[in-house]
Amino acid sequence: MKRRHMKLASLLLTIALTGMLGIAQAADAEAGKSKAAVCAGCHGIKGISSNEIWPNLAGQQEAYLAIKMKAYRDGTLQDPLMSPVSQGLSDTDIENLAAYYSELKQPCE
């Protein structure tokens, strides 16, 4: 009976660790790039806005971008343009977009 409990415990530990590894996977910048077409209208094709009203996204910190986009989606932050655009984004979409924009070069000032 004790051996059976050890096998069960080992199986549960394996399942838990596998799930944790799935959560810890890095965001996919290429997938983010394919989702960025909608963003380009305001933030520019390479994340560099041509209008000072809209911020440059290129080179921003990945975590910062993800937090902001999730806040627009969840309603913590309100913006007449960003709030509706972010409504259809999943957490994975947001993480991938944040990875994509964080890898782009910042504009020279």
PDB file of N, CA and C in Angstrom:
ATOM      1  N   MET A   1       0.816  -1.190   0.000  1.00  0.00           N
ATOM      2  CA  MET A   1       0.000   0.000   0.000  1.00  0.00           C
ATOM      3  C   MET A   1       0.863   1.259   0.000  1.00  0.00           C
ATOM      4  N   LYS A   2       1.955   1.237   0.755  1.00  0.00           N
ATOM      5  CA  LYS A   2       2.831   2.397   0.833  1.00  0.00           C
ATOM      6  C   LYS A   2       3.441   2.694  -0.536  1.00  0.00           C
ATOM      7  N   ARG A   3       3.808   1.656  -1.271  1.00  0.00           N
ATOM      8  CA  ARG A   3       4.405   1.815  -2.605  1.00  0.00           C
ATOM      9  C   ARG A   3       3.394   2.461  -3.556  1.00  0.00           C
ATOM     10  N   ARG A   4       2.147   2.098  -3.419  1.00  0.00           N
ATOM     11  CA  ARG A   4       1.103   2.665  -4.266  1.00  0.00           C
ATOM     12  C   ARG A   4       0.953   4.166  -4.018  1.00  0.00           C
ATOM     13  N   HIS A   5       1.039   4.584  -2.764  1.00  0.00           N
ATOM     14  CA  HIS A   5       0.946   5.997  -2.417  1.00  0.00           C
ATOM     15  C   HIS A   5       2.147   6.776  -2.971  1.00  0.00           C
ATOM     16  N   MET A   6       3.302   6.156  -2.965  1.00  0.00           N
ATOM     17  CA  MET A   6       4.511   6.804  -3.502  1.00  0.00           C
ATOM     18  C   MET A   6       4.365   7.027  -5.005  1.00  0.00           C
ATOM     19  N   LYS A   7       3.819   6.025  -5.708  1.00  0.00           N
ATOM     20  CA  LYS A   7       3.619   6.167  -7.151  1.00  0.00           C
ATOM     21  C   LYS A   7       2.621   7.283  -7.439  1.00  0.00           C
ATOM     22  N   LEU A   8       1.551   7.332  -6.667  1.00  0.00           N
ATOM     23  CA  LEU A   8       0.548   8.369  -6.853  1.00  0.00           C
ATOM     24  C   LEU A   8       1.144   9.748  -6.573  1.00  0.00           C
ATOM     25  N   ALA A   9       1.905   9.855  -5.497  1.00  0.00           N
ATOM     26  CA  ALA A   9       2.547  11.124  -5.159  1.00  0.00           C
ATOM     27  C   ALA A   9       3.521  11.547  -6.256  1.00  0.00           C
ATOM     28  N   SER A  10       4.275  10.598  -6.791  1.00  0.00           N
ATOM     29  CA  SER A  10       5.217  10.886  -7.872  1.00  0.00           C
ATOM     30  C   SER A  10       4.478  11.365  -9.125  1.00  0.00           C
ATOM     31  N   LEU A  11       3.364  10.712  -9.444  1.00  0.00           N
ATOM     32  CA  LEU A  11       2.567  11.094 -10.602  1.00  0.00           C
ATOM     33  C   LEU A  11       2.001  12.503 -10.427  1.00  0.00           C
ATOM     34  N   LEU A  12       1.469  12.802  -9.257  1.00  0.00           N
ATOM     35  CA  LEU A  12       0.918  14.132  -8.990  1.00  0.00           C
ATOM     36  C   LEU A  12       1.998  15.205  -9.053  1.00  0.00           C
ATOM     37  N   LEU A  13       3.171  14.916  -8.546  1.00  0.00           N
ATOM     38  CA  LEU A  13       4.274  15.860  -8.606  1.00  0.00           C
ATOM     39  C   LEU A  13       4.684  16.123 -10.058  1.00  0.00           C
ATOM     40  N   THR A  14       4.741  15.072 -10.856  1.00  0.00           N
ATOM     41  CA  THR A  14       5.086  15.220 -12.274  1.00  0.00           C
ATOM     42  C   THR A  14       4.067  16.097 -12.989  1.00  0.00           C
ATOM     43  N   ILE A  15       2.782  15.861 -12.734  1.00  0.00           N
ATOM     44  CA  ILE A  15       1.726  16.660 -13.362  1.00  0.00           C
ATOM     45  C   ILE A  15       1.838  18.124 -12.930  1.00  0.00           C
ATOM     46  N   ALA A  16       2.075  18.353 -11.654  1.00  0.00           N
ATOM     47  CA  ALA A  16       2.194  19.724 -11.151  1.00  0.00           C
ATOM     48  C   ALA A  16       3.380  20.440 -11.774  1.00  0.00           C
ATOM     49  N   LEU A  17       4.524  19.767 -11.839  1.00  0.00           N
ATOM     50  CA  LEU A  17       5.710  20.393 -12.425  1.00  0.00           C
ATOM     51  C   LEU A  17       5.528  20.661 -13.914  1.00  0.00           C
ATOM     52  N   THR A  18       4.880  19.758 -14.616  1.00  0.00           N
ATOM     53  CA  THR A  18       4.620  19.962 -16.036  1.00  0.00           C
ATOM     54  C   THR A  18       3.741  21.184 -16.233  1.00  0.00           C
ATOM     55  N   GLY A  19       2.721  21.335 -15.413  1.00  0.00           N
ATOM     56  CA  GLY A  19       1.849  22.502 -15.492  1.00  0.00           C
ATOM     57  C   GLY A  19       2.593  23.782 -15.201  1.00  0.00           C
ATOM     58  N   MET A  20       3.484  23.760 -14.221  1.00  0.00           N
ATOM     59  CA  MET A  20       4.264  24.945 -13.883  1.00  0.00           C
ATOM     60  C   MET A  20       5.189  25.321 -15.021  1.00  0.00           C
ATOM     61  N   LEU A  21       5.759  24.338 -15.681  1.00  0.00           N
ATOM     62  CA  LEU A  21       6.643  24.636 -16.801  1.00  0.00           C
ATOM     63  C   LEU A  21       5.867  25.281 -17.938  1.00  0.00           C
ATOM     64  N   GLY A  22       4.645  24.857 -18.159  1.00  0.00           N
ATOM     65  CA  GLY A  22       3.817  25.449 -19.201  1.00  0.00           C
ATOM     66  C   GLY A  22       3.539  26.910 -18.913  1.00  0.00           C
ATOM     67  N   ILE A  23       3.308  27.247 -17.661  1.00  0.00           N
ATOM     68  CA  ILE A  23       3.049  28.624 -17.270  1.00  0.00           C
ATOM     69  C   ILE A  23       4.296  29.472 -17.434  1.00  0.00           C
ATOM     70  N   ALA A  24       5.458  28.890 -17.210  1.00  0.00           N
ATOM     71  CA  ALA A  24       6.703  29.646 -17.226  1.00  0.00           C
ATOM     72  C   ALA A  24       7.284  29.825 -18.627  1.00  0.00           C
ATOM     73  N   GLN A  25       6.586  29.335 -19.665  1.00  0.00           N
ATOM     74  CA  GLN A  25       7.118  29.479 -21.009  1.00  0.00           C
ATOM     75  C   GLN A  25       7.224  30.949 -21.387  1.00  0.00           C
ATOM     76  N   ALA A  26       8.250  31.260 -22.144  1.00  0.00           N
ATOM     77  CA  ALA A  26       8.458  32.632 -22.573  1.00  0.00           C
ATOM     78  C   ALA A  26       7.408  33.025 -23.601  1.00  0.00           C
ATOM     79  N   ALA A  27       7.114  34.319 -23.637  1.00  0.00           N
ATOM     80  CA  ALA A  27       6.181  34.840 -24.627  1.00  0.00           C
ATOM     81  C   ALA A  27       6.801  34.720 -26.020  1.00  0.00           C
ATOM     82  N   ASP A  28       5.962  34.674 -27.014  1.00  0.00           N
ATOM     83  CA  ASP A  28       6.377  34.479 -28.398  1.00  0.00           C
ATOM     84  C   ASP A  28       6.308  35.804 -29.159  1.00  0.00           C
ATOM     85  N   ALA A  29       7.455  36.434 -29.363  1.00  0.00           N
ATOM     86  CA  ALA A  29       7.511  37.727 -30.045  1.00  0.00           C
ATOM     87  C   ALA A  29       7.009  37.636 -31.480  1.00  0.00           C
ATOM     88  N   GLU A  30       7.250  36.514 -32.148  1.00  0.00           N
ATOM     89  CA  GLU A  30       6.768  36.353 -33.531  1.00  0.00           C
ATOM     90  C   GLU A  30       5.245  36.329 -33.572  1.00  0.00           C
ATOM     91  N   ALA A  31       4.642  35.660 -32.618  1.00  0.00           N
ATOM     92  CA  ALA A  31       3.176  35.654 -32.534  1.00  0.00           C
ATOM     93  C   ALA A  31       2.671  37.059 -32.226  1.00  0.00           C
ATOM     94  N   GLY A  32       3.406  37.788 -31.401  1.00  0.00           N
ATOM     95  CA  GLY A  32       3.053  39.171 -31.098  1.00  0.00           C
ATOM     96  C   GLY A  32       3.127  40.054 -32.332  1.00  0.00           C
ATOM     97  N   LYS A  33       4.126  39.816 -33.138  1.00  0.00           N
ATOM     98  CA  LYS A  33       4.286  40.601 -34.377  1.00  0.00           C
ATOM     99  C   LYS A  33       3.076  40.416 -35.280  1.00  0.00           C
ATOM    100  N   SER A  34       2.569  39.193 -35.369  1.00  0.00           N
ATOM    101  CA  SER A  34       1.417  38.945 -36.233  1.00  0.00           C
ATOM    102  C   SER A  34       0.148  39.595 -35.690  1.00  0.00           C
ATOM    103  N   LYS A  35       0.075  39.836 -34.392  1.00  0.00           N
ATOM    104  CA  LYS A  35      -1.083  40.495 -33.777  1.00  0.00           C
ATOM    105  C   LYS A  35      -0.952  42.025 -33.792  1.00  0.00           C
ATOM    106  N   ALA A  36       0.228  42.543 -34.082  1.00  0.00           N
ATOM    107  CA  ALA A  36       0.522  43.970 -33.939  1.00  0.00           C
ATOM    108  C   ALA A  36      -0.042  44.847 -35.051  1.00  0.00           C
ATOM    109  N   ALA A  37      -0.628  44.267 -36.077  1.00  0.00           N
ATOM    110  CA  ALA A  37      -1.144  45.064 -37.192  1.00  0.00           C
ATOM    111  C   ALA A  37      -2.165  46.102 -36.722  1.00  0.00           C
ATOM    112  N   VAL A  38      -3.019  45.719 -35.803  1.00  0.00           N
ATOM    113  CA  VAL A  38      -4.029  46.655 -35.285  1.00  0.00           C
ATOM    114  C   VAL A  38      -3.356  47.795 -34.528  1.00  0.00           C
ATOM    115  N   CYS A  39      -2.302  47.499 -33.811  1.00  0.00           N
ATOM    116  CA  CYS A  39      -1.595  48.498 -33.009  1.00  0.00           C
ATOM    117  C   CYS A  39      -0.868  49.523 -33.886  1.00  0.00           C
ATOM    118  N   ALA A  40      -0.437  49.064 -35.067  1.00  0.00           N
ATOM    119  CA  ALA A  40       0.387  49.900 -35.954  1.00  0.00           C
ATOM    120  C   ALA A  40      -0.327  51.159 -36.404  1.00  0.00           C
ATOM    121  N   GLY A  41      -1.638  51.138 -36.451  1.00  0.00           N
ATOM    122  CA  GLY A  41      -2.383  52.324 -36.871  1.00  0.00           C
ATOM    123  C   GLY A  41      -2.080  53.539 -36.020  1.00  0.00           C
ATOM    124  N   CYS A  42      -1.867  53.349 -34.745  1.00  0.00           N
ATOM    125  CA  CYS A  42      -1.559  54.464 -33.845  1.00  0.00           C
ATOM    126  C   CYS A  42      -0.097  54.469 -33.398  1.00  0.00           C
ATOM    127  N   HIS A  43       0.446  53.297 -33.131  1.00  0.00           N
ATOM    128  CA  HIS A  43       1.779  53.206 -32.534  1.00  0.00           C
ATOM    129  C   HIS A  43       2.890  52.984 -33.556  1.00  0.00           C
ATOM    130  N   GLY A  44       2.552  52.948 -34.834  1.00  0.00           N
ATOM    131  CA  GLY A  44       3.549  52.791 -35.891  1.00  0.00           C
ATOM    132  C   GLY A  44       3.882  51.342 -36.182  1.00  0.00           C
ATOM    133  N   ILE A  45       4.352  51.102 -37.395  1.00  0.00           N
ATOM    134  CA  ILE A  45       4.653  49.741 -37.846  1.00  0.00           C
ATOM    135  C   ILE A  45       5.721  49.084 -36.976  1.00  0.00           C
ATOM    136  N   LYS A  46       6.722  49.809 -36.591  1.00  0.00           N
ATOM    137  CA  LYS A  46       7.797  49.270 -35.743  1.00  0.00           C
ATOM    138  C   LYS A  46       7.696  49.776 -34.311  1.00  0.00           C
ATOM    139  N   GLY A  47       6.479  50.159 -33.903  1.00  0.00           N
ATOM    140  CA  GLY A  47       6.276  50.615 -32.530  1.00  0.00           C
ATOM    141  C   GLY A  47       6.709  52.043 -32.280  1.00  0.00           C
ATOM    142  N   ILE A  48       6.958  52.788 -33.354  1.00  0.00           N
ATOM    143  CA  ILE A  48       7.369  54.189 -33.232  1.00  0.00           C
ATOM    144  C   ILE A  48       6.253  55.045 -33.824  1.00  0.00           C
ATOM    145  N   SER A  49       5.559  55.766 -32.965  1.00  0.00           N
ATOM    146  CA  SER A  49       4.406  56.551 -33.360  1.00  0.00           C
ATOM    147  C   SER A  49       4.835  57.788 -34.142  1.00  0.00           C
ATOM    148  N   SER A  50       4.040  58.146 -35.132  1.00  0.00           N
ATOM    149  CA  SER A  50       4.305  59.381 -35.880  1.00  0.00           C
ATOM    150  C   SER A  50       3.534  60.550 -35.283  1.00  0.00           C
ATOM    151  N   ASN A  51       2.795  60.292 -34.220  1.00  0.00           N
ATOM    152  CA  ASN A  51       1.978  61.312 -33.576  1.00  0.00           C
ATOM    153  C   ASN A  51       2.326  61.337 -32.093  1.00  0.00           C
ATOM    154  N   GLU A  52       2.617  62.497 -31.558  1.00  0.00           N
ATOM    155  CA  GLU A  52       3.028  62.583 -30.147  1.00  0.00           C
ATOM    156  C   GLU A  52       1.910  62.242 -29.167  1.00  0.00           C
ATOM    157  N   ILE A  53       0.692  62.161 -29.645  1.00  0.00           N
ATOM    158  CA  ILE A  53      -0.432  61.779 -28.781  1.00  0.00           C
ATOM    159  C   ILE A  53      -0.306  60.324 -28.341  1.00  0.00           C
ATOM    160  N   TRP A  54       0.172  59.468 -29.242  1.00  0.00           N
ATOM    161  CA  TRP A  54       0.289  58.043 -28.957  1.00  0.00           C
ATOM    162  C   TRP A  54       1.734  57.685 -28.636  1.00  0.00           C
ATOM    163  N   PRO A  55       1.949  56.936 -27.582  1.00  0.00           N
ATOM    164  CA  PRO A  55       3.326  56.627 -27.171  1.00  0.00           C
ATOM    165  C   PRO A  55       4.022  55.625 -28.096  1.00  0.00           C
ATOM    166  N   ASN A  56       5.348  55.723 -28.116  1.00  0.00           N
ATOM    167  CA  ASN A  56       6.166  54.710 -28.781  1.00  0.00           C
ATOM    168  C   ASN A  56       6.140  53.458 -27.906  1.00  0.00           C
ATOM    169  N   LEU A  57       5.986  52.324 -28.529  1.00  0.00           N
ATOM    170  CA  LEU A  57       6.005  51.057 -27.793  1.00  0.00           C
ATOM    171  C   LEU A  57       7.345  50.351 -27.939  1.00  0.00           C
ATOM    172  N   ALA A  58       8.078  50.673 -28.986  1.00  0.00           N
ATOM    173  CA  ALA A  58       9.363  50.021 -29.261  1.00  0.00           C
ATOM    174  C   ALA A  58      10.320  50.199 -28.096  1.00  0.00           C
ATOM    175  N   GLY A  59      10.876  49.085 -27.645  1.00  0.00           N
ATOM    176  CA  GLY A  59      11.900  49.110 -26.605  1.00  0.00           C
ATOM    177  C   GLY A  59      11.382  49.300 -25.194  1.00  0.00           C
ATOM    178  N   GLN A  60      10.077  49.365 -25.012  1.00  0.00           N
ATOM    179  CA  GLN A  60       9.537  49.476 -23.655  1.00  0.00           C
ATOM    180  C   GLN A  60       9.739  48.152 -22.921  1.00  0.00           C
ATOM    181  N   GLN A  61       9.727  48.199 -21.616  1.00  0.00           N
ATOM    182  CA  GLN A  61       9.882  46.989 -20.804  1.00  0.00           C
ATOM    183  C   GLN A  61       8.689  46.055 -21.035  1.00  0.00           C
ATOM    184  N   GLU A  62       8.980  44.795 -21.241  1.00  0.00           N
ATOM    185  CA  GLU A  62       7.945  43.800 -21.530  1.00  0.00           C
ATOM    186  C   GLU A  62       6.883  43.742 -20.434  1.00  0.00           C
ATOM    187  N   ALA A  63       7.307  43.693 -19.185  1.00  0.00           N
ATOM    188  CA  ALA A  63       6.354  43.599 -18.072  1.00  0.00           C
ATOM    189  C   ALA A  63       5.470  44.844 -18.002  1.00  0.00           C
ATOM    190  N   TYR A  64       6.048  46.003 -18.228  1.00  0.00           N
ATOM    191  CA  TYR A  64       5.293  47.259 -18.207  1.00  0.00           C
ATOM    192  C   TYR A  64       4.195  47.241 -19.270  1.00  0.00           C
ATOM    193  N   LEU A  65       4.553  46.847 -20.494  1.00  0.00           N
ATOM    194  CA  LEU A  65       3.571  46.799 -21.575  1.00  0.00           C
ATOM    195  C   LEU A  65       2.442  45.822 -21.263  1.00  0.00           C
ATOM    196  N   ALA A  66       2.790  44.662 -20.756  1.00  0.00           N
ATOM    197  CA  ALA A  66       1.777  43.651 -20.433  1.00  0.00           C
ATOM    198  C   ALA A  66       0.835  44.154 -19.343  1.00  0.00           C
ATOM    199  N   ILE A  67       1.381  44.780 -18.312  1.00  0.00           N
ATOM    200  CA  ILE A  67       0.550  45.306 -17.218  1.00  0.00           C
ATOM    201  C   ILE A  67      -0.409  46.367 -17.745  1.00  0.00           C
ATOM    202  N   LYS A  68       0.091  47.266 -18.564  1.00  0.00           N
ATOM    203  CA  LYS A  68      -0.751  48.339 -19.108  1.00  0.00           C
ATOM    204  C   LYS A  68      -1.851  47.788 -20.008  1.00  0.00           C
ATOM    205  N   MET A  69      -1.493  46.864 -20.912  1.00  0.00           N
ATOM    206  CA  MET A  69      -2.496  46.315 -21.817  1.00  0.00           C
ATOM    207  C   MET A  69      -3.569  45.542 -21.057  1.00  0.00           C
ATOM    208  N   LYS A  70      -3.163  44.787 -20.048  1.00  0.00           N
ATOM    209  CA  LYS A  70      -4.144  44.053 -19.251  1.00  0.00           C
ATOM    210  C   LYS A  70      -5.044  45.017 -18.475  1.00  0.00           C
ATOM    211  N   ALA A  71      -4.485  46.126 -18.020  1.00  0.00           N
ATOM    212  CA  ALA A  71      -5.276  47.123 -17.292  1.00  0.00           C
ATOM    213  C   ALA A  71      -6.322  47.763 -18.215  1.00  0.00           C
ATOM    214  N   TYR A  72      -5.967  48.034 -19.463  1.00  0.00           N
ATOM    215  CA  TYR A  72      -6.953  48.544 -20.426  1.00  0.00           C
ATOM    216  C   TYR A  72      -8.031  47.501 -20.686  1.00  0.00           C
ATOM    217  N   ARG A  73      -7.614  46.266 -20.875  1.00  0.00           N
ATOM    218  CA  ARG A  73      -8.569  45.197 -21.152  1.00  0.00           C
ATOM    219  C   ARG A  73      -9.531  44.972 -19.985  1.00  0.00           C
ATOM    220  N   ASP A  74      -8.980  44.994 -18.763  1.00  0.00           N
ATOM    221  CA  ASP A  74      -9.779  44.698 -17.583  1.00  0.00           C
ATOM    222  C   ASP A  74     -10.560  45.895 -17.042  1.00  0.00           C
ATOM    223  N   GLY A  75     -10.305  47.076 -17.612  1.00  0.00           N
ATOM    224  CA  GLY A  75     -11.031  48.276 -17.206  1.00  0.00           C
ATOM    225  C   GLY A  75     -10.383  49.061 -16.085  1.00  0.00           C
ATOM    226  N   THR A  76      -9.231  48.630 -15.581  1.00  0.00           N
ATOM    227  CA  THR A  76      -8.524  49.379 -14.547  1.00  0.00           C
ATOM    228  C   THR A  76      -8.076  50.728 -15.101  1.00  0.00           C
ATOM    229  N   LEU A  77      -7.618  50.738 -16.340  1.00  0.00           N
ATOM    230  CA  LEU A  77      -7.320  51.964 -17.077  1.00  0.00           C
ATOM    231  C   LEU A  77      -8.385  52.133 -18.156  1.00  0.00           C
ATOM    232  N   GLN A  78      -8.786  53.351 -18.398  1.00  0.00           N
ATOM    233  CA  GLN A  78      -9.794  53.644 -19.404  1.00  0.00           C
ATOM    234  C   GLN A  78      -9.207  54.545 -20.488  1.00  0.00           C
ATOM    235  N   ASP A  79      -9.462  54.201 -21.734  1.00  0.00           N
ATOM    236  CA  ASP A  79      -9.068  55.022 -22.867  1.00  0.00           C
ATOM    237  C   ASP A  79     -10.046  54.728 -23.995  1.00  0.00           C
ATOM    238  N   PRO A  80     -10.543  55.779 -24.664  1.00  0.00           N
ATOM    239  CA  PRO A  80     -11.550  55.540 -25.704  1.00  0.00           C
ATOM    240  C   PRO A  80     -11.055  54.674 -26.862  1.00  0.00           C
ATOM    241  N   LEU A  81      -9.762  54.633 -27.107  1.00  0.00           N
ATOM    242  CA  LEU A  81      -9.221  53.788 -28.176  1.00  0.00           C
ATOM    243  C   LEU A  81      -8.675  52.471 -27.656  1.00  0.00           C
ATOM    244  N   MET A  82      -7.867  52.522 -26.611  1.00  0.00           N
ATOM    245  CA  MET A  82      -7.199  51.312 -26.115  1.00  0.00           C
ATOM    246  C   MET A  82      -8.158  50.334 -25.434  1.00  0.00           C
ATOM    247  N   SER A  83      -9.120  50.836 -24.719  1.00  0.00           N
ATOM    248  CA  SER A  83     -10.031  49.937 -23.992  1.00  0.00           C
ATOM    249  C   SER A  83     -10.765  48.990 -24.938  1.00  0.00           C
ATOM    250  N   PRO A  84     -11.410  49.487 -26.004  1.00  0.00           N
ATOM    251  CA  PRO A  84     -12.099  48.555 -26.896  1.00  0.00           C
ATOM    252  C   PRO A  84     -11.153  47.629 -27.666  1.00  0.00           C
ATOM    253  N   VAL A  85      -9.999  48.153 -28.081  1.00  0.00           N
ATOM    254  CA  VAL A  85      -9.046  47.339 -28.852  1.00  0.00           C
ATOM    255  C   VAL A  85      -8.531  46.172 -28.017  1.00  0.00           C
ATOM    256  N   SER A  86      -8.319  46.405 -26.744  1.00  0.00           N
ATOM    257  CA  SER A  86      -7.736  45.376 -25.880  1.00  0.00           C
ATOM    258  C   SER A  86      -8.751  44.331 -25.418  1.00  0.00           C
ATOM    259  N   GLN A  87     -10.038  44.595 -25.577  1.00  0.00           N
ATOM    260  CA  GLN A  87     -11.078  43.677 -25.098  1.00  0.00           C
ATOM    261  C   GLN A  87     -10.952  42.271 -25.677  1.00  0.00           C
ATOM    262  N   GLY A  88     -10.539  42.143 -26.929  1.00  0.00           N
ATOM    263  CA  GLY A  88     -10.457  40.839 -27.567  1.00  0.00           C
ATOM    264  C   GLY A  88      -9.137  40.116 -27.368  1.00  0.00           C
ATOM    265  N   LEU A  89      -8.249  40.663 -26.554  1.00  0.00           N
ATOM    266  CA  LEU A  89      -6.924  40.060 -26.364  1.00  0.00           C
ATOM    267  C   LEU A  89      -6.906  39.120 -25.164  1.00  0.00           C
ATOM    268  N   SER A  90      -6.349  37.952 -25.369  1.00  0.00           N
ATOM    269  CA  SER A  90      -6.144  37.011 -24.260  1.00  0.00           C
ATOM    270  C   SER A  90      -4.861  37.389 -23.522  1.00  0.00           C
ATOM    271  N   ASP A  91      -4.633  36.774 -22.377  1.00  0.00           N
ATOM    272  CA  ASP A  91      -3.365  37.001 -21.661  1.00  0.00           C
ATOM    273  C   ASP A  91      -2.182  36.636 -22.551  1.00  0.00           C
ATOM    274  N   THR A  92      -2.304  35.535 -23.285  1.00  0.00           N
ATOM    275  CA  THR A  92      -1.217  35.105 -24.177  1.00  0.00           C
ATOM    276  C   THR A  92      -0.980  36.126 -25.281  1.00  0.00           C
ATOM    277  N   ASP A  93      -2.056  36.648 -25.873  1.00  0.00           N
ATOM    278  CA  ASP A  93      -1.909  37.687 -26.896  1.00  0.00           C
ATOM    279  C   ASP A  93      -1.148  38.882 -26.340  1.00  0.00           C
ATOM    280  N   ILE A  94      -1.532  39.321 -25.169  1.00  0.00           N
ATOM    281  CA  ILE A  94      -0.908  40.488 -24.544  1.00  0.00           C
ATOM    282  C   ILE A  94       0.561  40.215 -24.246  1.00  0.00           C
ATOM    283  N   GLU A  95       0.867  39.052 -23.704  1.00  0.00           N
ATOM    284  CA  GLU A  95       2.259  38.718 -23.392  1.00  0.00           C
ATOM    285  C   GLU A  95       3.098  38.649 -24.668  1.00  0.00           C
ATOM    286  N   ASN A  96       2.519  38.115 -25.740  1.00  0.00           N
ATOM    287  CA  ASN A  96       3.240  38.034 -27.016  1.00  0.00           C
ATOM    288  C   ASN A  96       3.454  39.420 -27.616  1.00  0.00           C
ATOM    289  N   LEU A  97       2.445  40.280 -27.552  1.00  0.00           N
ATOM    290  CA  LEU A  97       2.611  41.659 -28.040  1.00  0.00           C
ATOM    291  C   LEU A  97       3.680  42.400 -27.229  1.00  0.00           C
ATOM    292  N   ALA A  98       3.637  42.231 -25.924  1.00  0.00           N
ATOM    293  CA  ALA A  98       4.628  42.887 -25.064  1.00  0.00           C
ATOM    294  C   ALA A  98       6.039  42.391 -25.390  1.00  0.00           C
ATOM    295  N   ALA A  99       6.182  41.110 -25.651  1.00  0.00           N
ATOM    296  CA  ALA A  99       7.496  40.560 -26.018  1.00  0.00           C
ATOM    297  C   ALA A  99       7.966  41.152 -27.340  1.00  0.00           C
ATOM    298  N   TYR A 100       7.066  41.240 -28.299  1.00  0.00           N
ATOM    299  CA  TYR A 100       7.410  41.794 -29.620  1.00  0.00           C
ATOM    300  C   TYR A 100       7.880  43.248 -29.496  1.00  0.00           C
ATOM    301  N   TYR A 101       7.083  44.083 -28.853  1.00  0.00           N
ATOM    302  CA  TYR A 101       7.444  45.505 -28.763  1.00  0.00           C
ATOM    303  C   TYR A 101       8.693  45.740 -27.912  1.00  0.00           C
ATOM    304  N   SER A 102       8.889  44.925 -26.900  1.00  0.00           N
ATOM    305  CA  SER A 102      10.074  45.110 -26.059  1.00  0.00           C
ATOM    306  C   SER A 102      11.371  44.783 -26.811  1.00  0.00           C
ATOM    307  N   GLU A 103      11.286  43.956 -27.840  1.00  0.00           N
ATOM    308  CA  GLU A 103      12.477  43.581 -28.608  1.00  0.00           C
ATOM    309  C   GLU A 103      12.818  44.588 -29.704  1.00  0.00           C
ATOM    310  N   LEU A 104      11.901  45.493 -30.027  1.00  0.00           N
ATOM    311  CA  LEU A 104      12.169  46.475 -31.085  1.00  0.00           C
ATOM    312  C   LEU A 104      13.098  47.572 -30.566  1.00  0.00           C
ATOM    313  N   LYS A 105      13.806  48.181 -31.477  1.00  0.00           N
ATOM    314  CA  LYS A 105      14.728  49.278 -31.119  1.00  0.00           C
ATOM    315  C   LYS A 105      13.943  50.547 -30.801  1.00  0.00           C
ATOM    316  N   GLN A 106      14.370  51.220 -29.739  1.00  0.00           N
ATOM    317  CA  GLN A 106      13.780  52.503 -29.382  1.00  0.00           C
ATOM    318  C   GLN A 106      14.212  53.563 -30.384  1.00  0.00           C
ATOM    319  N   PRO A 107      13.363  54.558 -30.594  1.00  0.00           N
ATOM    320  CA  PRO A 107      13.761  55.641 -31.505  1.00  0.00           C
ATOM    321  C   PRO A 107      14.870  56.485 -30.876  1.00  0.00           C
ATOM    322  N   CYS A 108      15.726  57.006 -31.720  1.00  0.00           N
ATOM    323  CA  CYS A 108      16.773  57.922 -31.248  1.00  0.00           C
ATOM    324  C   CYS A 108      16.149  59.296 -31.044  1.00  0.00           C
ATOM    325  N   GLU A 109      16.499  59.937 -29.968  1.00  0.00           N
ATOM    326  CA  GLU A 109      15.959  61.270 -29.711  1.00  0.00           C
ATOM    327  C   GLU A 109      17.007  62.321 -29.887  1.00  0.00           C
TER     328      GLU A 109
END
